[in-house]
Each structure stands twice: as structure tokens, then as C-alpha cells.
Amino acid sequence: MSELQSSTASNTPTDFLTVDQVAALLGVSAKTIRRWVKIGDLAHHRFGRQVRISLADLRSFTEARRQG
């Protein structure tokens, strides 16, 4: 998670993560990430057939689900 907090706000190509990378960061399966993408809970970008999630979108997603 520190990777999410320490990144800059600019959207350079390195600010995009794969489904597998996001799954590893959040400790869930890639299938769960794909489900969140499919139902529209997690914003994403498509580059051809590839799905990428920006760090900014991931940060927004996790903040929206923060408890406490």
C-alpha cells in the first residue's frame, strides 16, 4: 500500500497497474478485481484488450471503502 501513498499525482505510464498487480496490493484474487471492473466499482482503462488501473483510480477506490 505504501506504493499507493508515495506515488505522484501525474499520470505517467508507470502510474498504471495490471489486474494482477492490483490484486496483489489489495490481497484479493485477480478474479475479484475483474469482477469489480466489470460491475463498475473500480474505474479502469483499456489499452486494446489489456485492462489497466491507474494509481489515482485505485487510491479513490480504496478511500471510498475505508472504514473507521
N, C-alpha and C. Protein backbone atom coordinates (compact mmCIF):
# COMPACT_ATOMS: atom_id res chain seq x y z
N MET A 1 0.80 -1.19 0.00
CA MET A 1 0.00 0.00 0.00
C MET A 1 0.85 1.26 0.00
N SER A 2 2.05 1.19 0.52
CA SER A 2 2.89 2.38 0.54
C SER A 2 3.17 2.86 -0.87
N GLU A 3 3.13 1.96 -1.83
CA GLU A 3 3.31 2.34 -3.23
C GLU A 3 2.21 3.29 -3.66
N LEU A 4 1.00 3.09 -3.17
CA LEU A 4 -0.12 3.96 -3.49
C LEU A 4 0.08 5.34 -2.90
N GLN A 5 0.56 5.39 -1.69
CA GLN A 5 0.70 6.66 -0.99
C GLN A 5 1.89 7.47 -1.46
N SER A 6 2.95 6.81 -1.90
CA SER A 6 4.16 7.53 -2.24
C SER A 6 4.24 7.97 -3.70
N SER A 7 3.29 7.55 -4.52
CA SER A 7 3.35 7.92 -5.93
C SER A 7 2.92 9.36 -6.13
N THR A 8 3.35 9.93 -7.24
CA THR A 8 2.97 11.30 -7.55
C THR A 8 1.60 11.33 -8.20
N ALA A 9 1.04 12.52 -8.35
CA ALA A 9 -0.30 12.66 -8.92
C ALA A 9 -0.29 12.65 -10.45
N SER A 10 0.86 12.71 -11.07
CA SER A 10 0.92 12.73 -12.53
C SER A 10 0.56 11.36 -13.09
N ASN A 11 -0.01 11.37 -14.29
CA ASN A 11 -0.40 10.11 -14.92
C ASN A 11 0.62 9.72 -15.99
N THR A 12 1.76 9.26 -15.56
CA THR A 12 2.75 8.74 -16.47
C THR A 12 2.45 7.27 -16.68
N PRO A 13 2.99 6.66 -17.74
CA PRO A 13 2.70 5.25 -17.99
C PRO A 13 2.99 4.33 -16.81
N THR A 14 3.91 4.68 -15.95
CA THR A 14 4.21 3.83 -14.80
C THR A 14 3.15 3.94 -13.71
N ASP A 15 2.22 4.85 -13.86
CA ASP A 15 1.14 5.01 -12.89
C ASP A 15 -0.02 4.06 -13.15
N PHE A 16 0.14 3.14 -14.10
CA PHE A 16 -0.90 2.18 -14.41
C PHE A 16 -0.46 0.79 -13.95
N LEU A 17 -1.38 0.08 -13.33
CA LEU A 17 -1.09 -1.26 -12.81
C LEU A 17 -1.94 -2.29 -13.54
N THR A 18 -1.42 -3.50 -13.60
CA THR A 18 -2.17 -4.61 -14.17
C THR A 18 -3.16 -5.13 -13.13
N VAL A 19 -4.09 -5.95 -13.58
CA VAL A 19 -5.06 -6.57 -12.68
C VAL A 19 -4.32 -7.39 -11.63
N ASP A 20 -3.32 -8.14 -12.03
CA ASP A 20 -2.56 -8.96 -11.08
C ASP A 20 -1.83 -8.11 -10.04
N GLN A 21 -1.28 -6.99 -10.46
CA GLN A 21 -0.58 -6.11 -9.52
C GLN A 21 -1.55 -5.52 -8.50
N VAL A 22 -2.72 -5.10 -8.96
CA VAL A 22 -3.73 -4.54 -8.05
C VAL A 22 -4.20 -5.62 -7.08
N ALA A 23 -4.43 -6.82 -7.60
CA ALA A 23 -4.86 -7.93 -6.74
C ALA A 23 -3.83 -8.19 -5.64
N ALA A 24 -2.56 -8.20 -6.00
CA ALA A 24 -1.51 -8.43 -5.01
C ALA A 24 -1.45 -7.31 -3.97
N LEU A 25 -1.61 -6.07 -4.41
CA LEU A 25 -1.58 -4.94 -3.48
C LEU A 25 -2.73 -5.00 -2.48
N LEU A 26 -3.90 -5.40 -2.95
CA LEU A 26 -5.08 -5.42 -2.09
C LEU A 26 -5.28 -6.74 -1.37
N GLY A 27 -4.51 -7.76 -1.75
CA GLY A 27 -4.63 -9.06 -1.09
C GLY A 27 -5.88 -9.82 -1.47
N VAL A 28 -6.33 -9.63 -2.69
CA VAL A 28 -7.50 -10.35 -3.21
C VAL A 28 -7.10 -11.04 -4.51
N SER A 29 -8.00 -11.82 -5.07
CA SER A 29 -7.69 -12.52 -6.31
C SER A 29 -7.88 -11.61 -7.53
N ALA A 30 -7.23 -11.97 -8.62
CA ALA A 30 -7.42 -11.24 -9.87
C ALA A 30 -8.87 -11.34 -10.32
N LYS A 31 -9.52 -12.44 -10.02
CA LYS A 31 -10.93 -12.62 -10.37
C LYS A 31 -11.80 -11.56 -9.66
N THR A 32 -11.48 -11.26 -8.42
CA THR A 32 -12.20 -10.24 -7.68
C THR A 32 -12.01 -8.87 -8.32
N ILE A 33 -10.79 -8.55 -8.72
CA ILE A 33 -10.51 -7.27 -9.38
C ILE A 33 -11.30 -7.18 -10.68
N ARG A 34 -11.28 -8.25 -11.46
CA ARG A 34 -12.04 -8.26 -12.73
C ARG A 34 -13.54 -8.08 -12.49
N ARG A 35 -14.05 -8.67 -11.41
CA ARG A 35 -15.47 -8.51 -11.07
C ARG A 35 -15.77 -7.06 -10.73
N TRP A 36 -14.91 -6.42 -9.93
CA TRP A 36 -15.11 -5.02 -9.57
C TRP A 36 -15.05 -4.13 -10.81
N VAL A 37 -14.16 -4.45 -11.75
CA VAL A 37 -14.08 -3.71 -13.00
C VAL A 37 -15.37 -3.90 -13.81
N LYS A 38 -15.82 -5.14 -13.91
CA LYS A 38 -17.00 -5.46 -14.72
C LYS A 38 -18.26 -4.77 -14.21
N ILE A 39 -18.45 -4.73 -12.88
CA ILE A 39 -19.66 -4.12 -12.34
C ILE A 39 -19.53 -2.60 -12.18
N GLY A 40 -18.35 -2.08 -12.47
CA GLY A 40 -18.15 -0.64 -12.46
C GLY A 40 -17.71 -0.06 -11.14
N ASP A 41 -17.38 -0.88 -10.18
CA ASP A 41 -16.91 -0.38 -8.88
C ASP A 41 -15.50 0.19 -8.97
N LEU A 42 -14.67 -0.39 -9.81
CA LEU A 42 -13.28 0.03 -9.93
C LEU A 42 -13.05 0.60 -11.33
N ALA A 43 -12.76 1.89 -11.38
CA ALA A 43 -12.50 2.54 -12.67
C ALA A 43 -11.26 1.93 -13.31
N HIS A 44 -11.26 1.86 -14.63
CA HIS A 44 -10.14 1.23 -15.33
C HIS A 44 -9.97 1.85 -16.71
N HIS A 45 -8.91 1.46 -17.36
CA HIS A 45 -8.60 1.91 -18.71
C HIS A 45 -8.33 0.66 -19.54
N ARG A 46 -8.74 0.70 -20.78
CA ARG A 46 -8.45 -0.40 -21.70
C ARG A 46 -7.49 0.08 -22.77
N PHE A 47 -6.43 -0.67 -22.94
CA PHE A 47 -5.46 -0.43 -23.99
C PHE A 47 -5.48 -1.67 -24.86
N GLY A 48 -6.29 -1.63 -25.92
CA GLY A 48 -6.53 -2.84 -26.69
C GLY A 48 -7.33 -3.79 -25.82
N ARG A 49 -6.83 -4.99 -25.62
CA ARG A 49 -7.51 -5.97 -24.76
C ARG A 49 -6.99 -5.95 -23.33
N GLN A 50 -6.01 -5.11 -23.08
CA GLN A 50 -5.40 -5.05 -21.75
C GLN A 50 -6.17 -4.10 -20.84
N VAL A 51 -6.40 -4.51 -19.61
CA VAL A 51 -7.04 -3.68 -18.60
C VAL A 51 -5.96 -3.15 -17.67
N ARG A 52 -5.98 -1.85 -17.44
CA ARG A 52 -5.04 -1.23 -16.51
C ARG A 52 -5.81 -0.34 -15.56
N ILE A 53 -5.33 -0.26 -14.33
CA ILE A 53 -5.95 0.58 -13.32
C ILE A 53 -4.93 1.64 -12.92
N SER A 54 -5.34 2.89 -12.98
CA SER A 54 -4.41 3.96 -12.60
C SER A 54 -4.29 4.00 -11.08
N LEU A 55 -3.15 4.46 -10.61
CA LEU A 55 -2.95 4.59 -9.18
C LEU A 55 -3.96 5.57 -8.57
N ALA A 56 -4.28 6.63 -9.31
CA ALA A 56 -5.26 7.60 -8.82
C ALA A 56 -6.63 6.95 -8.64
N ASP A 57 -7.05 6.14 -9.61
CA ASP A 57 -8.33 5.44 -9.50
C ASP A 57 -8.32 4.42 -8.38
N LEU A 58 -7.21 3.73 -8.22
CA LEU A 58 -7.10 2.75 -7.13
C LEU A 58 -7.14 3.44 -5.77
N ARG A 59 -6.48 4.57 -5.68
CA ARG A 59 -6.48 5.34 -4.44
C ARG A 59 -7.91 5.79 -4.10
N SER A 60 -8.64 6.28 -5.10
CA SER A 60 -10.04 6.70 -4.89
C SER A 60 -10.90 5.53 -4.46
N PHE A 61 -10.71 4.39 -5.10
CA PHE A 61 -11.46 3.18 -4.78
C PHE A 61 -11.24 2.76 -3.34
N THR A 62 -9.99 2.74 -2.90
CA THR A 62 -9.70 2.30 -1.54
C THR A 62 -10.16 3.33 -0.50
N GLU A 63 -10.05 4.62 -0.82
CA GLU A 63 -10.52 5.65 0.12
C GLU A 63 -12.03 5.58 0.28
N ALA A 64 -12.76 5.29 -0.78
CA ALA A 64 -14.22 5.21 -0.72
C ALA A 64 -14.67 4.05 0.17
N ARG A 65 -13.83 3.05 0.33
CA ARG A 65 -14.19 1.87 1.12
C ARG A 65 -13.52 1.83 2.48
N ARG A 66 -12.87 2.91 2.81
CA ARG A 66 -12.17 2.99 4.10
C ARG A 66 -13.17 3.02 5.24
N GLN A 67 -12.91 2.23 6.24
CA GLN A 67 -13.79 2.18 7.41
C GLN A 67 -13.05 2.75 8.61
N GLY A 68 -13.79 3.45 9.41
CA GLY A 68 -13.17 3.94 10.64
C GLY A 68 -12.98 5.37 10.74
